[in-house]
């Protein structure tokens, strides 16, 4: 009886292995077919032309303030930035900027918590 039970278990295991291999094969074939299909259908040539154009940033009066490209950005000199804009950036980034000498030990210790 034991040999019959072992034989049945072996047959069942071989069946499960075959089923598993068939499922894996189907997944691989479907995946490869999908990749092949989308490779043929996808036309990204128009994206290359769009990405080469710079992005324009305009001020509230509609004047071009800056342009951003993939390689560099063109802006204004620090002297052309209004003082209140500089103060706004400093207050958002480091509200205690003028209280320490470049290293904010209190901020470092607070971040360690």
PDB file of N, CA and C in Angstrom:
ATOM      1  N   UNK A   1       0.800  -1.188   0.000  1.00  0.00           N
ATOM      2  CA  UNK A   1       0.000   0.000   0.000  1.00  0.00           C
ATOM      3  C   UNK A   1       0.848   1.260   0.000  1.00  0.00           C
ATOM      4  N   UNK A   2       1.959   1.170   0.718  1.00  0.00           N
ATOM      5  CA  UNK A   2       2.794   2.347   0.806  1.00  0.00           C
ATOM      6  C   UNK A   2       3.332   2.727  -0.564  1.00  0.00           C
ATOM      7  N   UNK A   3       3.678   1.744  -1.380  1.00  0.00           N
ATOM      8  CA  UNK A   3       4.203   2.026  -2.713  1.00  0.00           C
ATOM      9  C   UNK A   3       3.141   2.685  -3.591  1.00  0.00           C
ATOM     10  N   UNK A   4       1.909   2.273  -3.433  1.00  0.00           N
ATOM     11  CA  UNK A   4       0.816   2.857  -4.216  1.00  0.00           C
ATOM     12  C   UNK A   4       0.624   4.321  -3.803  1.00  0.00           C
ATOM     13  N   UNK A   5       0.677   4.612  -2.490  1.00  0.00           N
ATOM     14  CA  UNK A   5       0.515   5.978  -1.995  1.00  0.00           C
ATOM     15  C   UNK A   5       1.673   6.847  -2.472  1.00  0.00           C
ATOM     16  N   UNK A   6       2.900   6.318  -2.447  1.00  0.00           N
ATOM     17  CA  UNK A   6       4.061   7.072  -2.935  1.00  0.00           C
ATOM     18  C   UNK A   6       3.938   7.328  -4.429  1.00  0.00           C
ATOM     19  N   UNK A   7       3.453   6.337  -5.149  1.00  0.00           N
ATOM     20  CA  UNK A   7       3.293   6.482  -6.596  1.00  0.00           C
ATOM     21  C   UNK A   7       2.258   7.563  -6.903  1.00  0.00           C
ATOM     22  N   UNK A   8       1.121   7.560  -6.186  1.00  0.00           N
ATOM     23  CA  UNK A   8       0.084   8.566  -6.392  1.00  0.00           C
ATOM     24  C   UNK A   8       0.621   9.960  -6.051  1.00  0.00           C
ATOM     25  N   UNK A   9       1.401  10.055  -4.966  1.00  0.00           N
ATOM     26  CA  UNK A   9       1.980  11.342  -4.570  1.00  0.00           C
ATOM     27  C   UNK A   9       2.948  11.826  -5.642  1.00  0.00           C
ATOM     28  N   UNK A  10       3.729  10.896  -6.204  1.00  0.00           N
ATOM     29  CA  UNK A  10       4.662  11.264  -7.270  1.00  0.00           C
ATOM     30  C   UNK A  10       3.944  11.755  -8.510  1.00  0.00           C
ATOM     31  N   UNK A  11       2.852  11.092  -8.864  1.00  0.00           N
ATOM     32  CA  UNK A  11       2.066  11.498 -10.024  1.00  0.00           C
ATOM     33  C   UNK A  11       1.471  12.880  -9.792  1.00  0.00           C
ATOM     34  N   UNK A  12       0.947  13.112  -8.588  1.00  0.00           N
ATOM     35  CA  UNK A  12       0.368  14.416  -8.272  1.00  0.00           C
ATOM     36  C   UNK A  12       1.432  15.512  -8.317  1.00  0.00           C
ATOM     37  N   UNK A  13       2.614  15.233  -7.796  1.00  0.00           N
ATOM     38  CA  UNK A  13       3.689  16.230  -7.787  1.00  0.00           C
ATOM     39  C   UNK A  13       4.138  16.543  -9.211  1.00  0.00           C
ATOM     40  N   UNK A  14       4.261  15.494 -10.050  1.00  0.00           N
ATOM     41  CA  UNK A  14       4.634  15.731 -11.441  1.00  0.00           C
ATOM     42  C   UNK A  14       3.581  16.557 -12.151  1.00  0.00           C
ATOM     43  N   UNK A  15       2.314  16.310 -11.826  1.00  0.00           N
ATOM     44  CA  UNK A  15       1.221  17.084 -12.415  1.00  0.00           C
ATOM     45  C   UNK A  15       1.283  18.546 -11.983  1.00  0.00           C
ATOM     46  N   UNK A  16       1.583  18.768 -10.706  1.00  0.00           N
ATOM     47  CA  UNK A  16       1.699  20.150 -10.221  1.00  0.00           C
ATOM     48  C   UNK A  16       2.899  20.858 -10.843  1.00  0.00           C
ATOM     49  N   UNK A  17       3.988  20.139 -10.981  1.00  0.00           N
ATOM     50  CA  UNK A  17       5.176  20.729 -11.609  1.00  0.00           C
ATOM     51  C   UNK A  17       4.883  21.083 -13.061  1.00  0.00           C
ATOM     52  N   UNK A  18       4.226  20.190 -13.772  1.00  0.00           N
ATOM     53  CA  UNK A  18       3.865  20.468 -15.171  1.00  0.00           C
ATOM     54  C   UNK A  18       2.941  21.678 -15.253  1.00  0.00           C
ATOM     55  N   UNK A  19       1.942  21.729 -14.372  1.00  0.00           N
ATOM     56  CA  UNK A  19       1.017  22.854 -14.358  1.00  0.00           C
ATOM     57  C   UNK A  19       1.771  24.159 -14.061  1.00  0.00           C
ATOM     58  N   UNK A  20       2.666  24.114 -13.103  1.00  0.00           N
ATOM     59  CA  UNK A  20       3.467  25.303 -12.771  1.00  0.00           C
ATOM     60  C   UNK A  20       4.309  25.750 -13.952  1.00  0.00           C
ATOM     61  N   UNK A  21       4.939  24.807 -14.640  1.00  0.00           N
ATOM     62  CA  UNK A  21       5.761  25.144 -15.815  1.00  0.00           C
ATOM     63  C   UNK A  21       4.908  25.718 -16.938  1.00  0.00           C
ATOM     64  N   UNK A  22       3.725  25.180 -17.121  1.00  0.00           N
ATOM     65  CA  UNK A  22       2.820  25.698 -18.158  1.00  0.00           C
ATOM     66  C   UNK A  22       2.407  27.128 -17.819  1.00  0.00           C
ATOM     67  N   UNK A  23       2.088  27.387 -16.564  1.00  0.00           N
ATOM     68  CA  UNK A  23       1.701  28.739 -16.148  1.00  0.00           C
ATOM     69  C   UNK A  23       2.855  29.717 -16.358  1.00  0.00           C
ATOM     70  N   UNK A  24       4.050  29.328 -15.978  1.00  0.00           N
ATOM     71  CA  UNK A  24       5.221  30.186 -16.182  1.00  0.00           C
ATOM     72  C   UNK A  24       5.448  30.438 -17.659  1.00  0.00           C
ATOM     73  N   UNK A  25       5.325  29.397 -18.480  1.00  0.00           N
ATOM     74  CA  UNK A  25       5.498  29.553 -19.925  1.00  0.00           C
ATOM     75  C   UNK A  25       4.462  30.512 -20.507  1.00  0.00           C
ATOM     76  N   UNK A  26       3.216  30.391 -20.068  1.00  0.00           N
ATOM     77  CA  UNK A  26       2.157  31.288 -20.558  1.00  0.00           C
ATOM     78  C   UNK A  26       2.466  32.728 -20.164  1.00  0.00           C
ATOM     79  N   UNK A  27       2.905  32.944 -18.929  1.00  0.00           N
ATOM     80  CA  UNK A  27       3.236  34.297 -18.467  1.00  0.00           C
ATOM     81  C   UNK A  27       4.386  34.876 -19.286  1.00  0.00           C
ATOM     82  N   UNK A  28       5.410  34.080 -19.534  1.00  0.00           N
ATOM     83  CA  UNK A  28       6.558  34.548 -20.324  1.00  0.00           C
ATOM     84  C   UNK A  28       6.136  34.889 -21.753  1.00  0.00           C
ATOM     85  N   UNK A  29       5.342  34.030 -22.359  1.00  0.00           N
ATOM     86  CA  UNK A  29       4.901  34.274 -23.738  1.00  0.00           C
ATOM     87  C   UNK A  29       4.024  35.520 -23.804  1.00  0.00           C
ATOM     88  N   UNK A  30       3.085  35.660 -22.875  1.00  0.00           N
ATOM     89  CA  UNK A  30       2.232  36.851 -22.862  1.00  0.00           C
ATOM     90  C   UNK A  30       3.045  38.117 -22.607  1.00  0.00           C
ATOM     91  N   UNK A  31       3.989  38.049 -21.706  1.00  0.00           N
ATOM     92  CA  UNK A  31       4.840  39.212 -21.426  1.00  0.00           C
ATOM     93  C   UNK A  31       5.675  39.601 -22.634  1.00  0.00           C
ATOM     94  N   UNK A  32       6.296  38.611 -23.272  1.00  0.00           N
ATOM     95  CA  UNK A  32       7.105  38.899 -24.456  1.00  0.00           C
ATOM     96  C   UNK A  32       6.230  39.437 -25.586  1.00  0.00           C
ATOM     97  N   UNK A  33       5.045  38.865 -25.753  1.00  0.00           N
ATOM     98  CA  UNK A  33       4.130  39.367 -26.787  1.00  0.00           C
ATOM     99  C   UNK A  33       3.696  40.791 -26.520  1.00  0.00           C
ATOM    100  N   UNK A  34       3.416  41.104 -25.261  1.00  0.00           N
ATOM    101  CA  UNK A  34       3.030  42.467 -24.913  1.00  0.00           C
ATOM    102  C   UNK A  34       4.160  43.451 -25.187  1.00  0.00           C
ATOM    103  N   UNK A  35       5.362  43.075 -24.783  1.00  0.00           N
ATOM    104  CA  UNK A  35       6.509  43.956 -25.047  1.00  0.00           C
ATOM    105  C   UNK A  35       6.710  44.160 -26.542  1.00  0.00           C
ATOM    106  N   UNK A  36       6.604  43.109 -27.310  1.00  0.00           N
ATOM    107  CA  UNK A  36       6.766  43.223 -28.757  1.00  0.00           C
ATOM    108  C   UNK A  36       5.683  44.110 -29.351  1.00  0.00           C
ATOM    109  N   UNK A  37       4.433  43.921 -28.912  1.00  0.00           N
ATOM    110  CA  UNK A  37       3.320  44.713 -29.428  1.00  0.00           C
ATOM    111  C   UNK A  37       3.513  46.199 -29.126  1.00  0.00           C
ATOM    112  N   UNK A  38       3.805  46.522 -27.854  1.00  0.00           N
ATOM    113  CA  UNK A  38       3.950  47.928 -27.480  1.00  0.00           C
ATOM    114  C   UNK A  38       5.193  48.556 -28.098  1.00  0.00           C
ATOM    115  N   UNK A  39       6.190  47.752 -28.371  1.00  0.00           N
ATOM    116  CA  UNK A  39       7.380  48.278 -29.049  1.00  0.00           C
ATOM    117  C   UNK A  39       7.034  48.684 -30.472  1.00  0.00           C
ATOM    118  N   UNK A  40       6.178  47.927 -31.108  1.00  0.00           N
ATOM    119  CA  UNK A  40       5.776  48.234 -32.480  1.00  0.00           C
ATOM    120  C   UNK A  40       4.816  49.414 -32.531  1.00  0.00           C
ATOM    121  N   UNK A  41       3.929  49.506 -31.560  1.00  0.00           N
ATOM    122  CA  UNK A  41       2.858  50.506 -31.589  1.00  0.00           C
ATOM    123  C   UNK A  41       3.326  51.861 -31.056  1.00  0.00           C
ATOM    124  N   UNK A  42       4.175  51.867 -30.047  1.00  0.00           N
ATOM    125  CA  UNK A  42       4.568  53.115 -29.397  1.00  0.00           C
ATOM    126  C   UNK A  42       5.430  53.962 -30.322  1.00  0.00           C
ATOM    127  N   UNK A  43       5.000  55.198 -30.536  1.00  0.00           N
ATOM    128  CA  UNK A  43       5.758  56.146 -31.351  1.00  0.00           C
ATOM    129  C   UNK A  43       6.181  57.295 -30.447  1.00  0.00           C
ATOM    130  N   UNK A  44       7.441  57.294 -30.045  1.00  0.00           N
ATOM    131  CA  UNK A  44       7.921  58.330 -29.144  1.00  0.00           C
ATOM    132  C   UNK A  44       8.732  59.391 -29.875  1.00  0.00           C
ATOM    133  N   UNK A  45       8.743  59.366 -31.182  1.00  0.00           N
ATOM    134  CA  UNK A  45       9.557  60.329 -31.922  1.00  0.00           C
ATOM    135  C   UNK A  45       9.110  61.759 -31.664  1.00  0.00           C
ATOM    136  N   UNK A  46       7.809  61.970 -31.471  1.00  0.00           N
ATOM    137  CA  UNK A  46       7.335  63.330 -31.209  1.00  0.00           C
ATOM    138  C   UNK A  46       7.762  63.830 -29.838  1.00  0.00           C
ATOM    139  N   UNK A  47       8.062  62.935 -28.893  1.00  0.00           N
ATOM    140  CA  UNK A  47       8.509  63.354 -27.575  1.00  0.00           C
ATOM    141  C   UNK A  47       9.897  63.976 -27.616  1.00  0.00           C
ATOM    142  N   UNK A  48      10.754  63.512 -28.489  1.00  0.00           N
ATOM    143  CA  UNK A  48      12.102  64.043 -28.565  1.00  0.00           C
ATOM    144  C   UNK A  48      12.095  65.514 -28.953  1.00  0.00           C
ATOM    145  N   UNK A  49      11.218  65.904 -29.846  1.00  0.00           N
ATOM    146  CA  UNK A  49      11.153  67.297 -30.256  1.00  0.00           C
ATOM    147  C   UNK A  49      10.598  68.179 -29.142  1.00  0.00           C
ATOM    148  N   UNK A  50       9.637  67.672 -28.400  1.00  0.00           N
ATOM    149  CA  UNK A  50       9.040  68.466 -27.330  1.00  0.00           C
ATOM    150  C   UNK A  50      10.035  68.684 -26.200  1.00  0.00           C
ATOM    151  N   UNK A  51      10.816  67.677 -25.861  1.00  0.00           N
ATOM    152  CA  UNK A  51      11.740  67.802 -24.748  1.00  0.00           C
ATOM    153  C   UNK A  51      12.880  68.775 -25.041  1.00  0.00           C
ATOM    154  N   UNK A  52      13.167  69.037 -26.299  1.00  0.00           N
ATOM    155  CA  UNK A  52      14.264  69.937 -26.623  1.00  0.00           C
ATOM    156  C   UNK A  52      13.862  71.395 -26.495  1.00  0.00           C
ATOM    157  N   UNK A  53      12.577  71.682 -26.405  1.00  0.00           N
ATOM    158  CA  UNK A  53      12.124  73.055 -26.292  1.00  0.00           C
ATOM    159  C   UNK A  53      12.232  73.507 -24.840  1.00  0.00           C
ATOM    160  N   UNK A  54      12.699  74.738 -24.598  1.00  0.00           N
ATOM    161  CA  UNK A  54      12.800  75.211 -23.216  1.00  0.00           C
ATOM    162  C   UNK A  54      11.429  75.542 -22.638  1.00  0.00           C
ATOM    163  N   UNK A  55      11.348  75.493 -21.349  1.00  0.00           N
ATOM    164  CA  UNK A  55      10.139  75.885 -20.636  1.00  0.00           C
ATOM    165  C   UNK A  55      10.302  77.333 -20.203  1.00  0.00           C
ATOM    166  N   UNK A  56       9.324  78.148 -20.522  1.00  0.00           N
ATOM    167  CA  UNK A  56       9.388  79.551 -20.149  1.00  0.00           C
ATOM    168  C   UNK A  56       8.663  79.808 -18.844  1.00  0.00           C
ATOM    169  N   UNK A  57       9.268  80.607 -17.977  1.00  0.00           N
ATOM    170  CA  UNK A  57       8.657  81.007 -16.720  1.00  0.00           C
ATOM    171  C   UNK A  57       8.400  82.508 -16.817  1.00  0.00           C
ATOM    172  N   UNK A  58       7.142  82.878 -16.598  1.00  0.00           N
ATOM    173  CA  UNK A  58       6.735  84.267 -16.768  1.00  0.00           C
ATOM    174  C   UNK A  58       6.386  84.887 -15.425  1.00  0.00           C
ATOM    175  N   UNK A  59       6.638  86.190 -15.297  1.00  0.00           N
ATOM    176  CA  UNK A  59       6.239  86.893 -14.087  1.00  0.00           C
ATOM    177  C   UNK A  59       4.769  87.289 -14.177  1.00  0.00           C
ATOM    178  N   UNK A  60       4.271  87.941 -13.151  1.00  0.00           N
ATOM    179  CA  UNK A  60       2.845  88.253 -13.117  1.00  0.00           C
ATOM    180  C   UNK A  60       2.432  89.274 -14.166  1.00  0.00           C
ATOM    181  N   UNK A  61       3.394  90.005 -14.731  1.00  0.00           N
ATOM    182  CA  UNK A  61       3.082  90.971 -15.779  1.00  0.00           C
ATOM    183  C   UNK A  61       3.123  90.344 -17.170  1.00  0.00           C
ATOM    184  N   UNK A  62       3.460  89.068 -17.238  1.00  0.00           N
ATOM    185  CA  UNK A  62       3.518  88.377 -18.518  1.00  0.00           C
ATOM    186  C   UNK A  62       4.866  88.448 -19.199  1.00  0.00           C
ATOM    187  N   UNK A  63       5.867  88.992 -18.532  1.00  0.00           N
ATOM    188  CA  UNK A  63       7.217  89.083 -19.097  1.00  0.00           C
ATOM    189  C   UNK A  63       7.982  87.792 -18.818  1.00  0.00           C
ATOM    190  N   UNK A  64       8.781  87.356 -19.774  1.00  0.00           N
ATOM    191  CA  UNK A  64       9.585  86.148 -19.605  1.00  0.00           C
ATOM    192  C   UNK A  64      10.651  86.410 -18.552  1.00  0.00           C
ATOM    193  N   UNK A  65      10.598  85.657 -17.451  1.00  0.00           N
ATOM    194  CA  UNK A  65      11.553  85.845 -16.358  1.00  0.00           C
ATOM    195  C   UNK A  65      12.723  84.876 -16.470  1.00  0.00           C
ATOM    196  N   UNK A  66      12.462  83.666 -16.937  1.00  0.00           N
ATOM    197  CA  UNK A  66      13.517  82.660 -17.003  1.00  0.00           C
ATOM    198  C   UNK A  66      13.092  81.545 -17.942  1.00  0.00           C
ATOM    199  N   UNK A  67      14.062  80.802 -18.423  1.00  0.00           N
ATOM    200  CA  UNK A  67      13.780  79.610 -19.204  1.00  0.00           C
ATOM    201  C   UNK A  67      14.561  78.448 -18.611  1.00  0.00           C
ATOM    202  N   UNK A  68      13.968  77.283 -18.698  1.00  0.00           N
ATOM    203  CA  UNK A  68      14.599  76.074 -18.182  1.00  0.00           C
ATOM    204  C   UNK A  68      14.705  75.076 -19.328  1.00  0.00           C
ATOM    205  N   UNK A  69      15.888  74.548 -19.539  1.00  0.00           N
ATOM    206  CA  UNK A  69      16.091  73.515 -20.544  1.00  0.00           C
ATOM    207  C   UNK A  69      16.640  72.274 -19.856  1.00  0.00           C
ATOM    208  N   UNK A  70      16.840  71.230 -20.611  1.00  0.00           N
ATOM    209  CA  UNK A  70      17.371  69.986 -20.043  1.00  0.00           C
ATOM    210  C   UNK A  70      18.812  70.168 -19.582  1.00  0.00           C
ATOM    211  N   UNK A  71      19.537  71.076 -20.192  1.00  0.00           N
ATOM    212  CA  UNK A  71      20.958  71.217 -19.903  1.00  0.00           C
ATOM    213  C   UNK A  71      21.285  72.328 -18.923  1.00  0.00           C
ATOM    214  N   UNK A  72      20.541  73.428 -18.967  1.00  0.00           N
ATOM    215  CA  UNK A  72      20.873  74.547 -18.094  1.00  0.00           C
ATOM    216  C   UNK A  72      19.634  75.400 -17.880  1.00  0.00           C
ATOM    217  N   UNK A  73      19.720  76.290 -16.930  1.00  0.00           N
ATOM    218  CA  UNK A  73      18.639  77.243 -16.724  1.00  0.00           C
ATOM    219  C   UNK A  73      19.209  78.653 -16.836  1.00  0.00           C
ATOM    220  N   UNK A  74      18.426  79.518 -17.372  1.00  0.00           N
ATOM    221  CA  UNK A  74      18.837  80.904 -17.508  1.00  0.00           C
ATOM    222  C   UNK A  74      17.977  81.718 -16.574  1.00  0.00           C
ATOM    223  N   UNK A  75      18.572  82.525 -15.760  1.00  0.00           N
ATOM    224  CA  UNK A  75      17.817  83.309 -14.798  1.00  0.00           C
ATOM    225  C   UNK A  75      18.336  84.728 -14.721  1.00  0.00           C
ATOM    226  N   UNK A  76      18.149  85.310 -13.568  1.00  0.00           N
ATOM    227  CA  UNK A  76      18.584  86.675 -13.333  1.00  0.00           C
ATOM    228  C   UNK A  76      19.691  86.662 -12.304  1.00  0.00           C
ATOM    229  N   UNK A  77      20.433  87.755 -12.234  1.00  0.00           N
ATOM    230  CA  UNK A  77      21.489  87.840 -11.231  1.00  0.00           C
ATOM    231  C   UNK A  77      20.863  88.098  -9.865  1.00  0.00           C
ATOM    232  N   UNK A  78      21.623  87.854  -8.823  1.00  0.00           N
ATOM    233  CA  UNK A  78      21.115  88.023  -7.457  1.00  0.00           C
ATOM    234  C   UNK A  78      20.719  89.469  -7.190  1.00  0.00           C
ATOM    235  N   UNK A  79      21.368  90.407  -7.854  1.00  0.00           N
ATOM    236  CA  UNK A  79      21.045  91.821  -7.658  1.00  0.00           C
ATOM    237  C   UNK A  79      19.669  92.177  -8.212  1.00  0.00           C
ATOM    238  N   UNK A  80      19.175  91.395  -9.146  1.00  0.00           N
ATOM    239  CA  UNK A  80      17.876  91.673  -9.753  1.00  0.00           C
ATOM    240  C   UNK A  80      16.707  91.072  -8.966  1.00  0.00           C
ATOM    241  N   UNK A  81      17.009  90.265  -7.963  1.00  0.00           N
ATOM    242  CA  UNK A  81      15.959  89.641  -7.154  1.00  0.00           C
ATOM    243  C   UNK A  81      15.575  90.607  -6.044  1.00  0.00           C
ATOM    244  N   UNK A  82      14.306  90.910  -5.885  1.00  0.00           N
ATOM    245  CA  UNK A  82      13.887  91.842  -4.830  1.00  0.00           C
ATOM    246  C   UNK A  82      14.243  91.322  -3.438  1.00  0.00           C
ATOM    247  N   UNK A  83      14.532  92.235  -2.542  1.00  0.00           N
ATOM    248  CA  UNK A  83      14.946  91.874  -1.190  1.00  0.00           C
ATOM    249  C   UNK A  83      13.870  91.045  -0.475  1.00  0.00           C
ATOM    250  N   UNK A  84      12.597  91.375  -0.644  1.00  0.00           N
ATOM    251  CA  UNK A  84      11.549  90.613   0.033  1.00  0.00           C
ATOM    252  C   UNK A  84      11.485  89.164  -0.466  1.00  0.00           C
ATOM    253  N   UNK A  85      11.870  88.920  -1.720  1.00  0.00           N
ATOM    254  CA  UNK A  85      11.912  87.549  -2.235  1.00  0.00           C
ATOM    255  C   UNK A  85      13.056  86.777  -1.575  1.00  0.00           C
ATOM    256  N   UNK A  86      14.200  87.409  -1.420  1.00  0.00           N
ATOM    257  CA  UNK A  86      15.317  86.754  -0.737  1.00  0.00           C
ATOM    258  C   UNK A  86      14.940  86.409   0.699  1.00  0.00           C
ATOM    259  N   UNK A  87      14.300  87.369   1.396  1.00  0.00           N
ATOM    260  CA  UNK A  87      13.900  87.144   2.779  1.00  0.00           C
ATOM    261  C   UNK A  87      12.869  86.018   2.882  1.00  0.00           C
ATOM    262  N   UNK A  88      11.958  85.939   1.908  1.00  0.00           N
ATOM    263  CA  UNK A  88      10.942  84.885   1.919  1.00  0.00           C
ATOM    264  C   UNK A  88      11.591  83.509   1.778  1.00  0.00           C
ATOM    265  N   UNK A  89      12.573  83.391   0.894  1.00  0.00           N
ATOM    266  CA  UNK A  89      13.253  82.110   0.702  1.00  0.00           C
ATOM    267  C   UNK A  89      14.017  81.724   1.960  1.00  0.00           C
ATOM    268  N   UNK A  90      14.725  82.689   2.541  1.00  0.00           N
ATOM    269  CA  UNK A  90      15.489  82.405   3.762  1.00  0.00           C
ATOM    270  C   UNK A  90      14.554  81.996   4.895  1.00  0.00           C
ATOM    271  N   UNK A  91      13.421  82.680   5.039  1.00  0.00           N
ATOM    272  CA  UNK A  91      12.515  82.365   6.150  1.00  0.00           C
ATOM    273  C   UNK A  91      11.899  80.980   5.994  1.00  0.00           C
ATOM    274  N   UNK A  92      11.678  80.546   4.760  1.00  0.00           N
ATOM    275  CA  UNK A  92      11.114  79.211   4.543  1.00  0.00           C
ATOM    276  C   UNK A  92      12.167  78.131   4.749  1.00  0.00           C
ATOM    277  N   UNK A  93      13.361  78.377   4.240  1.00  0.00           N
ATOM    278  CA  UNK A  93      14.418  77.360   4.308  1.00  0.00           C
ATOM    279  C   UNK A  93      15.036  77.244   5.700  1.00  0.00           C
ATOM    280  N   UNK A  94      15.305  78.389   6.345  1.00  0.00           N
ATOM    281  CA  UNK A  94      15.961  78.367   7.651  1.00  0.00           C
ATOM    282  C   UNK A  94      15.577  79.640   8.396  1.00  0.00           C
ATOM    283  N   UNK A  95      14.513  79.560   9.180  1.00  0.00           N
ATOM    284  CA  UNK A  95      14.007  80.767   9.845  1.00  0.00           C
ATOM    285  C   UNK A  95      14.985  81.326  10.878  1.00  0.00           C
ATOM    286  N   UNK A  96      15.970  80.550  11.301  1.00  0.00           N
ATOM    287  CA  UNK A  96      16.984  81.044  12.239  1.00  0.00           C
ATOM    288  C   UNK A  96      18.308  81.319  11.536  1.00  0.00           C
ATOM    289  N   UNK A  97      18.274  81.582  10.247  1.00  0.00           N
ATOM    290  CA  UNK A  97      19.480  81.747   9.439  1.00  0.00           C
ATOM    291  C   UNK A  97      20.418  82.817  10.005  1.00  0.00           C
ATOM    292  N   UNK A  98      19.869  83.915  10.446  1.00  0.00           N
ATOM    293  CA  UNK A  98      20.693  85.023  10.922  1.00  0.00           C
ATOM    294  C   UNK A  98      21.088  84.871  12.391  1.00  0.00           C
ATOM    295  N   UNK A  99      20.643  83.822  13.065  1.00  0.00           N
ATOM    296  CA  UNK A  99      20.971  83.602  14.461  1.00  0.00           C
ATOM    297  C   UNK A  99      22.171  82.682  14.656  1.00  0.00           C
ATOM    298  N   UNK A 100      22.525  81.903  13.667  1.00  0.00           N
ATOM    299  CA  UNK A 100      23.687  81.021  13.789  1.00  0.00           C
ATOM    300  C   UNK A 100      24.729  81.418  12.741  1.00  0.00           C
ATOM    301  N   UNK A 101      25.922  80.883  12.879  1.00  0.00           N
ATOM    302  CA  UNK A 101      27.033  81.264  12.002  1.00  0.00           C
ATOM    303  C   UNK A 101      27.314  80.199  10.944  1.00  0.00           C
ATOM    304  N   UNK A 102      26.268  79.736  10.294  1.00  0.00           N
ATOM    305  CA  UNK A 102      26.444  78.778   9.214  1.00  0.00           C
ATOM    306  C   UNK A 102      26.154  77.340   9.601  1.00  0.00           C
ATOM    307  N   UNK A 103      26.307  77.006  10.882  1.00  0.00           N
ATOM    308  CA  UNK A 103      25.991  75.655  11.350  1.00  0.00           C
ATOM    309  C   UNK A 103      24.931  75.775  12.430  1.00  0.00           C
ATOM    310  N   UNK A 104      23.797  75.179  12.214  1.00  0.00           N
ATOM    311  CA  UNK A 104      22.675  75.257  13.136  1.00  0.00           C
ATOM    312  C   UNK A 104      22.685  74.019  14.032  1.00  0.00           C
ATOM    313  N   UNK A 105      23.425  74.120  15.154  1.00  0.00           N
ATOM    314  CA  UNK A 105      23.540  72.976  16.057  1.00  0.00           C
ATOM    315  C   UNK A 105      22.189  72.597  16.644  1.00  0.00           C
ATOM    316  N   UNK A 106      21.379  73.590  16.962  1.00  0.00           N
ATOM    317  CA  UNK A 106      20.051  73.314  17.511  1.00  0.00           C
ATOM    318  C   UNK A 106      19.206  72.539  16.511  1.00  0.00           C
ATOM    319  N   UNK A 107      19.272  72.911  15.225  1.00  0.00           N
ATOM    320  CA  UNK A 107      18.543  72.187  14.184  1.00  0.00           C
ATOM    321  C   UNK A 107      19.063  70.774  13.990  1.00  0.00           C
ATOM    322  N   UNK A 108      20.375  70.604  14.102  1.00  0.00           N
ATOM    323  CA  UNK A 108      20.979  69.272  13.967  1.00  0.00           C
ATOM    324  C   UNK A 108      20.513  68.365  15.101  1.00  0.00           C
ATOM    325  N   UNK A 109      20.558  68.893  16.337  1.00  0.00           N
ATOM    326  CA  UNK A 109      20.121  68.074  17.468  1.00  0.00           C
ATOM    327  C   UNK A 109      18.629  67.789  17.408  1.00  0.00           C
ATOM    328  N   UNK A 110      17.844  68.747  16.943  1.00  0.00           N
ATOM    329  CA  UNK A 110      16.395  68.520  16.846  1.00  0.00           C
ATOM    330  C   UNK A 110      16.089  67.445  15.813  1.00  0.00           C
ATOM    331  N   UNK A 111      16.858  67.386  14.743  1.00  0.00           N
ATOM    332  CA  UNK A 111      16.602  66.383  13.705  1.00  0.00           C
ATOM    333  C   UNK A 111      17.039  64.989  14.142  1.00  0.00           C
ATOM    334  N   UNK A 112      17.896  64.907  15.160  1.00  0.00           N
ATOM    335  CA  UNK A 112      18.360  63.610  15.640  1.00  0.00           C
ATOM    336  C   UNK A 112      17.311  62.889  16.452  1.00  0.00           C
ATOM    337  N   UNK A 113      16.289  63.605  16.902  1.00  0.00           N
ATOM    338  CA  UNK A 113      15.243  62.964  17.716  1.00  0.00           C
ATOM    339  C   UNK A 113      14.398  62.046  16.928  1.00  0.00           C
TER     340      UNK A 113
END
